[in-house]
N, C-alpha and C. Protein backbone atom coordinates (compact mmCIF):
# COMPACT_ATOMS: atom_id res chain seq x y z
N MET A 1 1.63 10.73 -36.65
CA MET A 1 0.84 11.33 -35.60
C MET A 1 0.26 12.62 -36.14
N ALA A 2 -1.04 12.76 -36.09
CA ALA A 2 -1.71 13.96 -36.60
C ALA A 2 -2.45 14.65 -35.47
N LYS A 3 -2.30 15.96 -35.41
CA LYS A 3 -2.94 16.74 -34.36
C LYS A 3 -4.40 16.99 -34.73
N ARG A 4 -5.30 16.90 -33.75
CA ARG A 4 -6.67 17.31 -33.97
C ARG A 4 -6.70 18.82 -34.04
N ALA A 5 -7.34 19.35 -35.02
CA ALA A 5 -7.34 20.80 -35.23
C ALA A 5 -7.95 21.55 -34.05
N SER A 6 -8.97 20.99 -33.43
CA SER A 6 -9.67 21.71 -32.37
C SER A 6 -8.97 21.62 -31.02
N ASP A 7 -8.05 20.69 -30.84
CA ASP A 7 -7.40 20.51 -29.54
C ASP A 7 -5.94 20.12 -29.75
N PRO A 8 -5.02 21.00 -29.38
CA PRO A 8 -3.60 20.72 -29.62
C PRO A 8 -3.01 19.64 -28.73
N THR A 9 -3.79 19.07 -27.83
CA THR A 9 -3.27 18.01 -26.97
C THR A 9 -3.99 16.69 -27.21
N GLN A 10 -4.67 16.55 -28.31
CA GLN A 10 -5.31 15.31 -28.74
C GLN A 10 -4.71 14.94 -30.10
N PHE A 11 -4.20 13.74 -30.21
CA PHE A 11 -3.53 13.33 -31.44
C PHE A 11 -4.06 11.99 -31.94
N ALA A 12 -4.24 11.89 -33.23
CA ALA A 12 -4.56 10.62 -33.87
C ALA A 12 -3.25 10.00 -34.33
N VAL A 13 -3.13 8.69 -34.18
CA VAL A 13 -1.97 7.97 -34.68
C VAL A 13 -2.43 7.15 -35.88
N CYS A 14 -1.86 7.46 -37.04
CA CYS A 14 -2.27 6.81 -38.29
C CYS A 14 -1.06 6.19 -38.98
N LEU A 15 -1.30 5.12 -39.71
CA LEU A 15 -0.24 4.52 -40.52
C LEU A 15 0.10 5.44 -41.67
N LYS A 16 1.38 5.65 -41.91
CA LYS A 16 1.82 6.53 -43.00
C LYS A 16 1.35 6.02 -44.36
N GLU A 17 1.43 4.71 -44.55
CA GLU A 17 1.15 4.13 -45.86
C GLU A 17 -0.32 4.23 -46.26
N THR A 18 -1.22 4.04 -45.30
CA THR A 18 -2.65 3.94 -45.63
C THR A 18 -3.51 4.99 -44.94
N ASP A 19 -2.92 5.75 -44.03
CA ASP A 19 -3.66 6.73 -43.23
C ASP A 19 -4.70 6.07 -42.32
N THR A 20 -4.53 4.78 -42.05
CA THR A 20 -5.44 4.05 -41.17
C THR A 20 -5.22 4.49 -39.73
N LEU A 21 -6.30 4.81 -39.04
CA LEU A 21 -6.23 5.19 -37.63
C LEU A 21 -5.93 3.95 -36.80
N ILE A 22 -4.85 4.00 -36.01
CA ILE A 22 -4.48 2.85 -35.18
C ILE A 22 -4.40 3.20 -33.69
N GLY A 23 -4.48 4.48 -33.36
CA GLY A 23 -4.39 4.86 -31.96
C GLY A 23 -4.71 6.32 -31.73
N HIS A 24 -4.67 6.68 -30.46
CA HIS A 24 -5.02 8.02 -30.01
C HIS A 24 -4.13 8.37 -28.83
N LEU A 25 -3.55 9.56 -28.84
CA LEU A 25 -2.73 10.07 -27.74
C LEU A 25 -3.40 11.31 -27.16
N PHE A 26 -3.23 11.52 -25.88
CA PHE A 26 -3.79 12.73 -25.28
C PHE A 26 -2.91 13.20 -24.13
N ALA A 27 -3.00 14.48 -23.86
CA ALA A 27 -2.25 15.09 -22.76
C ALA A 27 -3.09 16.21 -22.18
N ASP A 28 -2.96 16.42 -20.87
CA ASP A 28 -3.77 17.44 -20.21
C ASP A 28 -2.99 18.06 -19.06
N ASN A 29 -3.03 19.36 -18.97
CA ASN A 29 -2.42 20.06 -17.83
C ASN A 29 -3.41 21.01 -17.17
N SER A 30 -4.69 20.85 -17.45
CA SER A 30 -5.70 21.80 -16.98
C SER A 30 -5.88 21.80 -15.47
N ASN A 31 -5.53 20.72 -14.79
CA ASN A 31 -5.67 20.66 -13.34
C ASN A 31 -4.39 21.02 -12.60
N GLU A 32 -3.42 21.51 -13.32
CA GLU A 32 -2.12 21.81 -12.73
C GLU A 32 -1.95 23.32 -12.58
N PRO A 33 -1.68 23.80 -11.37
CA PRO A 33 -1.58 25.25 -11.16
C PRO A 33 -0.45 25.92 -11.93
N ASP A 34 0.65 25.22 -12.15
CA ASP A 34 1.77 25.84 -12.86
C ASP A 34 1.77 25.53 -14.35
N ASN A 35 0.87 24.65 -14.79
CA ASN A 35 0.71 24.28 -16.20
C ASN A 35 1.95 23.65 -16.84
N ASN A 36 2.92 23.21 -16.04
CA ASN A 36 4.07 22.54 -16.66
C ASN A 36 4.17 21.07 -16.28
N THR A 37 3.12 20.56 -15.64
CA THR A 37 3.00 19.14 -15.34
C THR A 37 1.83 18.61 -16.16
N TRP A 38 2.07 17.55 -16.91
CA TRP A 38 1.08 17.04 -17.85
C TRP A 38 0.74 15.58 -17.56
N SER A 39 -0.52 15.27 -17.56
CA SER A 39 -1.00 13.89 -17.56
C SER A 39 -1.05 13.43 -19.01
N VAL A 40 -0.52 12.24 -19.27
CA VAL A 40 -0.49 11.72 -20.64
C VAL A 40 -1.18 10.35 -20.69
N GLY A 41 -1.69 10.01 -21.85
CA GLY A 41 -2.33 8.71 -22.01
C GLY A 41 -2.43 8.33 -23.47
N TRP A 42 -2.81 7.10 -23.70
CA TRP A 42 -2.88 6.58 -25.07
C TRP A 42 -3.81 5.38 -25.12
N HIS A 43 -4.33 5.16 -26.31
CA HIS A 43 -5.13 3.97 -26.63
C HIS A 43 -4.69 3.53 -28.02
N PHE A 44 -4.45 2.23 -28.18
CA PHE A 44 -4.05 1.69 -29.48
C PHE A 44 -4.90 0.47 -29.82
N ASN A 45 -5.17 0.31 -31.11
CA ASN A 45 -5.84 -0.87 -31.61
C ASN A 45 -4.92 -2.06 -31.35
N GLN A 46 -5.43 -3.09 -30.71
CA GLN A 46 -4.61 -4.25 -30.34
C GLN A 46 -3.99 -4.95 -31.55
N ARG A 47 -4.58 -4.82 -32.72
CA ARG A 47 -4.02 -5.45 -33.92
C ARG A 47 -2.66 -4.88 -34.28
N PHE A 48 -2.32 -3.71 -33.73
CA PHE A 48 -1.06 -3.06 -34.09
C PHE A 48 -0.06 -3.06 -32.95
N GLU A 49 -0.31 -3.88 -31.92
CA GLU A 49 0.63 -3.98 -30.80
C GLU A 49 1.92 -4.68 -31.23
N HIS A 50 2.98 -4.40 -30.48
CA HIS A 50 4.28 -5.06 -30.65
C HIS A 50 4.90 -4.81 -32.02
N GLN A 51 4.62 -3.64 -32.59
CA GLN A 51 5.21 -3.27 -33.87
C GLN A 51 5.96 -1.95 -33.79
N GLY A 52 6.05 -1.37 -32.57
CA GLY A 52 6.80 -0.15 -32.38
C GLY A 52 6.02 1.14 -32.56
N TYR A 53 4.76 1.04 -32.97
CA TYR A 53 3.98 2.25 -33.22
C TYR A 53 3.74 3.06 -31.94
N ALA A 54 3.43 2.37 -30.85
CA ALA A 54 3.19 3.07 -29.59
C ALA A 54 4.46 3.75 -29.10
N SER A 55 5.57 3.04 -29.11
CA SER A 55 6.84 3.63 -28.66
C SER A 55 7.20 4.87 -29.47
N GLU A 56 7.08 4.77 -30.78
CA GLU A 56 7.43 5.89 -31.65
C GLU A 56 6.51 7.08 -31.44
N SER A 57 5.22 6.85 -31.38
CA SER A 57 4.28 7.97 -31.29
C SER A 57 4.26 8.59 -29.89
N VAL A 58 4.36 7.78 -28.85
CA VAL A 58 4.37 8.34 -27.49
C VAL A 58 5.68 9.10 -27.26
N ALA A 59 6.79 8.62 -27.79
CA ALA A 59 8.05 9.37 -27.70
C ALA A 59 7.92 10.71 -28.40
N ALA A 60 7.24 10.74 -29.54
CA ALA A 60 7.01 12.01 -30.25
C ALA A 60 6.13 12.94 -29.42
N LEU A 61 5.13 12.38 -28.73
CA LEU A 61 4.30 13.19 -27.84
C LEU A 61 5.14 13.78 -26.72
N PHE A 62 6.01 12.97 -26.11
CA PHE A 62 6.88 13.46 -25.04
C PHE A 62 7.76 14.59 -25.55
N ASP A 63 8.37 14.41 -26.72
CA ASP A 63 9.19 15.47 -27.32
C ASP A 63 8.38 16.75 -27.49
N TYR A 64 7.19 16.63 -28.01
CA TYR A 64 6.32 17.79 -28.23
C TYR A 64 6.01 18.50 -26.91
N LEU A 65 5.65 17.74 -25.89
CA LEU A 65 5.30 18.36 -24.61
C LEU A 65 6.51 19.01 -23.95
N PHE A 66 7.65 18.36 -23.99
CA PHE A 66 8.84 18.94 -23.38
C PHE A 66 9.38 20.12 -24.17
N LYS A 67 9.47 20.00 -25.48
CA LYS A 67 10.12 21.03 -26.30
C LYS A 67 9.20 22.17 -26.71
N VAL A 68 7.97 21.87 -27.02
CA VAL A 68 7.05 22.90 -27.52
C VAL A 68 6.19 23.48 -26.41
N LYS A 69 5.67 22.61 -25.55
CA LYS A 69 4.76 23.06 -24.49
C LYS A 69 5.48 23.44 -23.20
N GLY A 70 6.78 23.18 -23.11
CA GLY A 70 7.54 23.55 -21.93
C GLY A 70 7.25 22.71 -20.70
N ALA A 71 6.87 21.45 -20.91
CA ALA A 71 6.57 20.57 -19.78
C ALA A 71 7.82 20.35 -18.93
N ARG A 72 7.61 20.28 -17.64
CA ARG A 72 8.66 19.94 -16.69
C ARG A 72 8.54 18.48 -16.26
N ARG A 73 7.27 18.01 -16.16
CA ARG A 73 7.00 16.66 -15.66
C ARG A 73 5.81 16.07 -16.40
N LEU A 74 5.93 14.79 -16.77
CA LEU A 74 4.83 14.04 -17.37
C LEU A 74 4.49 12.88 -16.46
N TYR A 75 3.21 12.53 -16.38
CA TYR A 75 2.84 11.35 -15.60
C TYR A 75 1.70 10.61 -16.30
N ALA A 76 1.63 9.31 -16.02
CA ALA A 76 0.60 8.45 -16.62
C ALA A 76 0.04 7.52 -15.55
N TRP A 77 -1.27 7.32 -15.59
CA TRP A 77 -1.95 6.35 -14.73
C TRP A 77 -2.09 5.06 -15.54
N VAL A 78 -1.67 3.94 -14.97
CA VAL A 78 -1.72 2.66 -15.69
C VAL A 78 -2.28 1.59 -14.75
N GLU A 79 -3.34 0.90 -15.18
CA GLU A 79 -3.92 -0.15 -14.36
C GLU A 79 -2.94 -1.31 -14.22
N ASP A 80 -3.04 -2.01 -13.10
CA ASP A 80 -2.06 -3.06 -12.80
C ASP A 80 -2.09 -4.22 -13.78
N TYR A 81 -3.17 -4.42 -14.50
CA TYR A 81 -3.26 -5.52 -15.46
C TYR A 81 -2.82 -5.10 -16.87
N ASN A 82 -2.52 -3.83 -17.08
CA ASN A 82 -2.16 -3.34 -18.41
C ASN A 82 -0.64 -3.42 -18.60
N TYR A 83 -0.17 -4.65 -18.83
CA TYR A 83 1.27 -4.89 -18.93
C TYR A 83 1.90 -4.18 -20.12
N SER A 84 1.18 -4.07 -21.22
CA SER A 84 1.74 -3.40 -22.40
C SER A 84 2.05 -1.94 -22.09
N SER A 85 1.14 -1.25 -21.42
CA SER A 85 1.39 0.16 -21.09
C SER A 85 2.47 0.30 -20.03
N GLN A 86 2.53 -0.64 -19.08
CA GLN A 86 3.61 -0.59 -18.09
C GLN A 86 4.96 -0.71 -18.78
N LYS A 87 5.08 -1.66 -19.70
CA LYS A 87 6.34 -1.84 -20.43
C LYS A 87 6.66 -0.63 -21.28
N LEU A 88 5.64 -0.04 -21.90
CA LEU A 88 5.85 1.16 -22.70
C LEU A 88 6.39 2.29 -21.84
N CYS A 89 5.78 2.51 -20.68
CA CYS A 89 6.27 3.56 -19.77
C CYS A 89 7.73 3.34 -19.42
N GLU A 90 8.07 2.13 -19.07
CA GLU A 90 9.44 1.83 -18.67
C GLU A 90 10.41 1.95 -19.84
N ARG A 91 9.98 1.55 -21.03
CA ARG A 91 10.82 1.69 -22.23
C ARG A 91 11.11 3.16 -22.52
N LEU A 92 10.16 4.03 -22.18
CA LEU A 92 10.32 5.47 -22.43
C LEU A 92 10.88 6.20 -21.21
N LEU A 93 11.55 5.46 -20.33
CA LEU A 93 12.30 6.00 -19.19
C LEU A 93 11.44 6.50 -18.04
N MET A 94 10.13 6.24 -18.09
CA MET A 94 9.28 6.65 -16.97
C MET A 94 9.55 5.70 -15.80
N ARG A 95 9.45 6.22 -14.60
CA ARG A 95 9.65 5.40 -13.41
C ARG A 95 8.30 5.20 -12.72
N ARG A 96 8.11 4.03 -12.13
CA ARG A 96 6.90 3.76 -11.37
C ARG A 96 7.06 4.43 -10.01
N GLU A 97 6.16 5.35 -9.69
CA GLU A 97 6.27 6.11 -8.45
C GLU A 97 5.40 5.55 -7.33
N GLY A 98 4.45 4.72 -7.66
CA GLY A 98 3.61 4.16 -6.61
C GLY A 98 2.43 3.40 -7.17
N CYS A 99 1.68 2.80 -6.24
CA CYS A 99 0.48 2.05 -6.59
C CYS A 99 -0.67 2.53 -5.71
N PHE A 100 -1.76 2.89 -6.34
CA PHE A 100 -2.96 3.30 -5.64
C PHE A 100 -3.90 2.10 -5.62
N LYS A 101 -4.16 1.54 -4.44
CA LYS A 101 -4.99 0.35 -4.31
C LYS A 101 -6.46 0.70 -4.52
N GLU A 102 -7.14 -0.11 -5.33
CA GLU A 102 -8.57 0.07 -5.62
C GLU A 102 -8.90 1.52 -5.93
N PHE A 103 -8.11 2.11 -6.83
CA PHE A 103 -8.15 3.55 -7.08
C PHE A 103 -9.21 3.97 -8.09
N VAL A 104 -9.31 3.25 -9.18
CA VAL A 104 -10.19 3.67 -10.27
C VAL A 104 -11.42 2.77 -10.28
N SER A 105 -12.58 3.39 -10.43
CA SER A 105 -13.82 2.63 -10.47
C SER A 105 -14.36 2.57 -11.89
N PHE A 106 -14.67 1.36 -12.33
CA PHE A 106 -15.30 1.13 -13.62
C PHE A 106 -16.53 0.27 -13.39
N GLU A 107 -17.43 0.26 -14.33
CA GLU A 107 -18.54 -0.68 -14.27
C GLU A 107 -18.12 -1.96 -14.98
N ASN A 108 -18.40 -3.09 -14.34
CA ASN A 108 -18.12 -4.37 -14.99
C ASN A 108 -19.31 -4.76 -15.87
N GLU A 109 -19.30 -5.97 -16.40
CA GLU A 109 -20.35 -6.42 -17.32
C GLU A 109 -21.73 -6.42 -16.68
N GLU A 110 -21.79 -6.61 -15.36
CA GLU A 110 -23.08 -6.62 -14.65
C GLU A 110 -23.51 -5.22 -14.22
N GLY A 111 -22.73 -4.20 -14.56
CA GLY A 111 -23.08 -2.84 -14.18
C GLY A 111 -22.68 -2.47 -12.76
N LYS A 112 -21.88 -3.31 -12.11
CA LYS A 112 -21.44 -3.04 -10.74
C LYS A 112 -20.06 -2.39 -10.77
N ALA A 113 -19.78 -1.61 -9.74
CA ALA A 113 -18.48 -0.94 -9.65
C ALA A 113 -17.36 -1.97 -9.54
N ARG A 114 -16.27 -1.69 -10.24
CA ARG A 114 -15.07 -2.51 -10.16
C ARG A 114 -13.91 -1.56 -9.90
N TYR A 115 -13.14 -1.84 -8.89
CA TYR A 115 -12.02 -0.97 -8.53
C TYR A 115 -10.72 -1.65 -8.91
N ASP A 116 -9.87 -0.91 -9.59
CA ASP A 116 -8.59 -1.46 -10.04
C ASP A 116 -7.44 -0.80 -9.30
N ASP A 117 -6.38 -1.58 -9.09
CA ASP A 117 -5.14 -1.00 -8.59
C ASP A 117 -4.50 -0.26 -9.76
N THR A 118 -3.97 0.92 -9.48
CA THR A 118 -3.45 1.77 -10.54
C THR A 118 -2.06 2.26 -10.17
N TYR A 119 -1.13 2.09 -11.10
CA TYR A 119 0.23 2.60 -10.93
C TYR A 119 0.32 4.01 -11.50
N ILE A 120 1.21 4.80 -10.92
CA ILE A 120 1.54 6.09 -11.52
C ILE A 120 2.99 6.03 -11.97
N TYR A 121 3.20 6.43 -13.21
CA TYR A 121 4.53 6.52 -13.81
C TYR A 121 4.81 7.98 -14.09
N ALA A 122 6.08 8.39 -13.99
CA ALA A 122 6.41 9.79 -14.25
C ALA A 122 7.79 9.92 -14.87
N LEU A 123 7.99 11.08 -15.50
CA LEU A 123 9.25 11.39 -16.17
C LEU A 123 9.46 12.89 -16.11
N LEU A 124 10.66 13.30 -15.73
CA LEU A 124 11.02 14.72 -15.72
C LEU A 124 11.72 15.10 -17.02
N HIS A 125 11.60 16.35 -17.40
CA HIS A 125 12.26 16.86 -18.61
C HIS A 125 13.76 16.57 -18.58
N LYS A 126 14.40 16.82 -17.45
CA LYS A 126 15.85 16.62 -17.36
C LYS A 126 16.24 15.15 -17.52
N GLU A 127 15.32 14.22 -17.22
CA GLU A 127 15.60 12.80 -17.42
C GLU A 127 15.45 12.41 -18.90
N TRP A 128 14.55 13.06 -19.59
CA TRP A 128 14.29 12.78 -21.00
C TRP A 128 15.42 13.28 -21.88
N THR A 129 16.06 14.37 -21.48
CA THR A 129 17.07 15.00 -22.33
C THR A 129 18.49 14.53 -22.03
N LYS A 130 18.67 13.54 -21.16
CA LYS A 130 20.02 13.05 -20.84
C LYS A 130 20.68 12.45 -22.06
């Protein structure tokens, strides 16, 4: 996991052996009044799924946010069809706190709005350090 020099909450995930970019992690607390609650997210190249890279790098991101940035709470928005991210959240001890029906709007192939059901997952610092 390599930090982007210009933004300490944007990370590239690269293979150690080849330095090939396989994913991207991000975290943001700019909309939080106390700055200790962070929204987290990730994108990975599908060719590298089911090999442990996401679990390892997102766990490292959680460690960084809790230990270095002083995070109290992390949360992630995950669409209902994104089973890989749901499993990743649960593997990393995040709990599903709810479902927002037709919450996020995207454009589909025809350029029309598409609304997806979105889950919110969260994890507290005290749960991570047990």
